[in-house]
Protein backbone atom coordinates (compact mmCIF):
# COMPACT_ATOMS: atom_id res chain seq x y z
CA MET A 1 -0.08 -0.07 0.06
CA ARG A 2 1.42 3.45 -1.03
CA ALA A 3 1.20 5.82 1.80
CA MET A 4 -0.47 8.68 -0.04
CA GLN A 5 -2.78 6.84 -2.74
CA ILE A 6 -5.40 5.08 -0.97
CA SER A 7 -8.97 4.81 -2.37
CA HIS A 8 -11.72 4.93 0.11
CA ASP A 9 -12.95 1.53 -1.25
CA HIS A 10 -9.39 -0.05 -0.83
CA PRO A 11 -9.86 -3.63 0.62
CA LEU A 12 -7.77 -2.80 3.77
CA LEU A 13 -9.94 0.09 4.66
CA GLN A 14 -13.13 -1.94 3.92
CA ARG A 15 -11.83 -4.52 6.52
CA ILE A 16 -11.50 -1.82 9.10
CA VAL A 17 -15.03 -0.52 8.33
CA ASP A 18 -16.50 -4.14 8.43
CA ASP A 19 -14.81 -4.66 11.92
CA LEU A 20 -16.26 -1.55 13.28
CA ALA A 21 -19.73 -2.38 12.10
CA GLU A 22 -19.38 -5.93 13.46
CA LYS A 23 -17.61 -5.67 16.71
CA GLY A 24 -16.72 -1.97 17.36
CA TRP A 25 -12.96 -2.35 16.97
CA SER A 26 -10.22 -3.44 14.46
CA GLN A 27 -6.55 -4.34 14.55
CA GLN A 28 -4.55 -4.30 11.48
CA ASN A 29 -0.99 -5.24 11.64
CA GLY A 30 1.42 -3.65 9.09
CA PHE A 31 -1.03 -0.97 8.24
CA LEU A 32 1.62 1.55 7.54
CA PRO A 33 4.57 0.67 5.34
CA GLN A 34 7.77 0.22 7.43
CA ALA A 35 9.56 3.22 5.88
CA LEU A 36 6.70 5.62 6.76
CA THR A 37 6.50 4.08 10.29
CA LEU A 38 10.31 4.64 10.70
CA GLU A 39 10.14 8.19 9.43
CA LEU A 40 7.21 9.05 11.78
CA ALA A 41 9.19 7.44 14.67
CA ALA A 42 12.27 9.60 13.88
CA GLU A 43 9.96 12.66 13.71
CA CYS A 44 8.63 11.88 17.19
CA ARG A 45 12.20 11.39 18.71
CA LYS A 46 13.28 14.56 17.02
CA ARG A 47 10.59 16.60 18.66
CA ALA A 48 11.18 14.94 22.02
CA ALA A 49 14.95 15.78 21.88
CA GLU A 50 13.94 19.39 21.15
CA GLY A 51 11.75 19.62 24.04
CA GLU A 52 8.52 19.87 22.15
CA LEU A 53 6.60 16.98 23.60
CA ALA A 54 4.96 18.02 26.98
CA PRO A 55 3.43 15.85 29.88
CA ALA A 56 -0.16 14.96 28.73
CA ALA A 57 -3.04 16.19 30.91
CA VAL A 58 -6.35 14.58 32.04
CA GLY A 59 -9.60 16.20 31.78
CA ARG A 60 -10.78 19.03 29.44
CA GLY A 61 -10.76 22.81 29.43
CA PRO A 62 -10.16 24.47 32.85
CA ALA A 63 -10.31 21.16 34.60
CA GLN A 64 -7.16 19.97 32.80
CA GLU A 65 -4.36 18.79 34.95
CA ILE A 66 -1.20 16.69 34.89
CA ARG A 67 -1.76 13.50 36.97
CA GLU A 68 1.11 10.96 36.31
CA GLY A 69 -0.60 8.59 38.62
CA ILE A 70 -3.30 8.34 35.81
CA ARG A 71 -1.29 8.80 32.59
CA GLY A 72 2.51 9.33 32.03
CA ASP A 73 2.86 10.02 28.36
CA HIS A 74 4.36 13.05 26.69
CA ILE A 75 2.57 14.42 23.60
CA GLN A 76 2.59 16.89 20.92
CA TRP A 77 -0.38 17.56 18.60
CA LEU A 78 0.09 17.46 14.76
CA GLU A 79 -0.37 20.63 12.80
CA GLU A 80 -0.73 20.83 9.12
CA GLY A 81 2.35 21.73 7.25
CA ASP A 82 4.80 21.05 10.19
CA ALA A 83 6.26 18.09 8.61
CA VAL A 84 5.83 16.31 5.26
CA VAL A 85 5.82 12.98 6.98
CA CYS A 86 3.05 13.89 9.30
CA ASP A 87 1.08 15.29 6.47
CA ARG A 88 1.54 11.90 4.52
CA TYR A 89 0.03 10.15 7.61
CA MET A 90 -2.87 12.58 7.90
CA THR A 91 -3.74 11.96 4.14
CA VAL A 92 -3.93 8.22 4.96
CA MET A 93 -6.18 8.77 7.86
CA ASP A 94 -8.42 10.96 5.89
CA SER A 95 -8.83 8.23 3.34
CA LEU A 96 -9.95 6.06 6.33
CA ARG A 97 -12.40 8.86 7.46
CA LEU A 98 -14.02 8.85 3.95
CA ALA A 99 -14.44 4.94 3.86
CA ILE A 100 -15.87 5.01 7.30
CA ASN A 101 -18.41 7.83 6.43
CA ARG A 102 -19.36 6.16 3.10
CA SER A 103 -20.34 2.73 4.80
CA LEU A 104 -21.34 3.61 8.28
CA PHE A 105 -22.73 7.19 7.92
CA LEU A 106 -20.97 8.43 11.12
CA GLY A 107 -20.53 12.14 9.81
CA LEU A 108 -17.06 12.25 10.80
CA GLU A 109 -15.88 15.69 9.89
CA ASP A 110 -12.21 15.81 10.83
CA PHE A 111 -9.25 13.86 12.51
CA GLU A 112 -7.03 15.13 15.28
CA SER A 113 -3.83 13.34 16.25
CA HIS A 114 -0.85 13.68 18.43
CA PHE A 115 2.61 11.96 19.01
CA ALA A 116 2.67 10.06 22.21
CA MET A 117 5.81 9.06 23.91
CA TYR A 118 5.73 6.74 27.07
CA PRO A 119 9.00 6.71 29.00
CA PRO A 120 9.77 3.19 30.46
CA GLY A 121 7.43 2.46 33.24
CA ALA A 122 4.91 4.98 32.19
CA PHE A 123 1.08 3.92 31.83
CA TYR A 124 -2.29 5.25 31.27
CA LEU A 125 -5.02 3.89 33.54
CA ARG A 126 -8.36 2.52 32.11
CA HIS A 127 -10.53 5.18 30.47
CA LEU A 128 -12.89 6.08 27.69
CA ASP A 129 -11.76 8.46 25.06
CA ARG A 130 -15.06 10.41 24.87
CA PHE A 131 -15.39 13.37 27.32
CA ARG A 132 -18.64 13.40 29.39
CA ASP A 133 -19.38 16.97 28.13
CA ASP A 134 -18.19 16.54 24.45
CA ASP A 135 -19.44 13.77 22.22
CA ARG A 136 -17.34 14.81 19.10
CA ARG A 137 -14.80 11.97 19.32
CA THR A 138 -16.34 9.03 17.63
CA VAL A 139 -13.68 6.61 16.47
CA SER A 140 -10.30 6.39 18.04
CA ALA A 141 -7.21 5.45 15.97
CA VAL A 142 -3.76 4.42 17.33
CA ILE A 143 -0.73 3.75 15.08
CA TYR A 144 2.43 2.27 16.70
CA LEU A 145 5.82 3.48 15.79
CA ASN A 146 8.00 0.86 17.69
CA ASP A 147 10.69 -1.02 15.82
CA GLU A 148 11.32 -4.67 16.70
CA TRP A 149 8.89 -4.64 19.81
CA LEU A 150 8.57 -7.91 21.65
CA PRO A 151 5.71 -8.96 23.97
CA GLU A 152 7.99 -9.14 26.82
CA HIS A 153 8.75 -5.40 26.42
CA GLY A 154 5.18 -4.86 27.93
CA GLY A 155 3.24 -1.60 26.82
CA GLN A 156 0.30 -3.51 25.51
CA LEU A 157 -2.99 -1.68 24.72
CA ARG A 158 -5.61 -3.59 26.97
CA MET A 159 -9.15 -3.15 25.63
CA TYR A 160 -12.15 -4.03 27.64
CA LEU A 161 -14.65 -5.59 25.17
CA LYS A 162 -18.15 -7.02 25.55
CA ASP A 163 -18.90 -10.04 27.82
CA GLY A 164 -15.84 -9.32 30.05
CA VAL A 165 -13.28 -10.14 27.22
CA GLU A 166 -9.82 -8.38 27.55
CA LEU A 167 -7.77 -8.10 24.55
CA ASP A 168 -4.12 -7.10 24.81
CA VAL A 169 -2.49 -5.55 21.56
CA VAL A 170 1.35 -5.49 21.29
CA PRO A 171 2.53 -2.09 20.22
CA SER A 172 4.38 -3.26 17.03
CA GLY A 173 5.66 -0.74 14.46
CA GLY A 174 2.97 -0.12 11.78
CA CYS A 175 0.09 -1.76 13.64
CA LEU A 176 -3.16 0.19 13.66
CA VAL A 177 -5.83 -0.13 16.21
CA VAL A 178 -9.27 1.59 15.60
CA PHE A 179 -12.30 1.42 17.97
CA LEU A 180 -15.52 3.27 18.81
CA SER A 181 -14.38 6.16 21.40
CA GLY A 182 -17.46 5.93 23.57
CA GLU A 183 -17.80 2.22 23.99
CA VAL A 184 -14.44 0.59 24.44
CA PRO A 185 -12.77 1.22 27.65
CA HIS A 186 -9.02 0.71 27.49
CA GLU A 187 -5.52 1.26 29.26
CA VAL A 188 -1.86 1.34 28.36
CA LEU A 189 0.31 -1.11 30.41
CA PRO A 190 3.78 -0.13 31.56
CA ALA A 191 6.71 -1.00 29.30
CA THR A 192 10.48 -1.64 29.78
CA ARG A 193 11.47 0.59 26.99
CA GLU A 194 10.39 3.78 25.38
CA ARG A 195 6.87 3.52 23.60
CA LEU A 196 5.98 5.61 20.63
CA SER A 197 2.57 6.04 18.92
CA LEU A 198 0.35 8.43 17.07
CA THR A 199 -3.11 8.58 18.78
CA GLY A 200 -6.09 10.26 17.17
CA TRP A 201 -9.64 10.66 16.91
CA PHE A 202 -12.16 11.01 14.09
CA ARG A 203 -14.68 13.57 15.24
CA ARG A 204 -18.22 14.50 14.17
CA ARG A 205 -19.90 17.71 14.65
CA GLY A 206 -20.54 18.35 18.32
CA ASN A 207 -23.70 19.01 20.27
CA GLU A 208 -22.57 22.36 21.55
CA PRO A 209 -24.65 25.37 20.34
CA PHE A 210 -23.36 27.46 17.43
């Protein structure tokens, strides 16, 4: 799959759409080409070395606060035009947005995403991605940027699915996990090495007044 040329009816995108419709989540190993994954990882590390990644907060608006006992990642939001490699990634995700809209009619209007770097030992306790007072986040999407990651390194994404099922996803480079933001509680387990990802949300128009 070429990074910038994906039709909304590409079979890989359709598999994700079908998974979302059937079970509310999808895991696609090797979703991104290795070269693009490595470029994104290098961009994340470059920004971290330059001090551009900041400790992530919990909550929203004035209630935001840094609470490392809940989450310990450092993040930076992507902005269009900041880096060619990030723009290429956002183009891929926009193709997925169009594919989801075409089949599931979710009315997804945009996609927001940030780099996330978890230092060794950092974690993110169980949570939902949708805020109580803001229902715009509809579909969550996480792409992992870790080269040669082994299960014993830890850092799994643990999803709490229906009927008490727990699913652990190893954060291997190029792997994409997509799930319904308001329906799948999840957490990030501690790892023994630095853990990199791009975390994002497809958003629909909110319920706030104009």
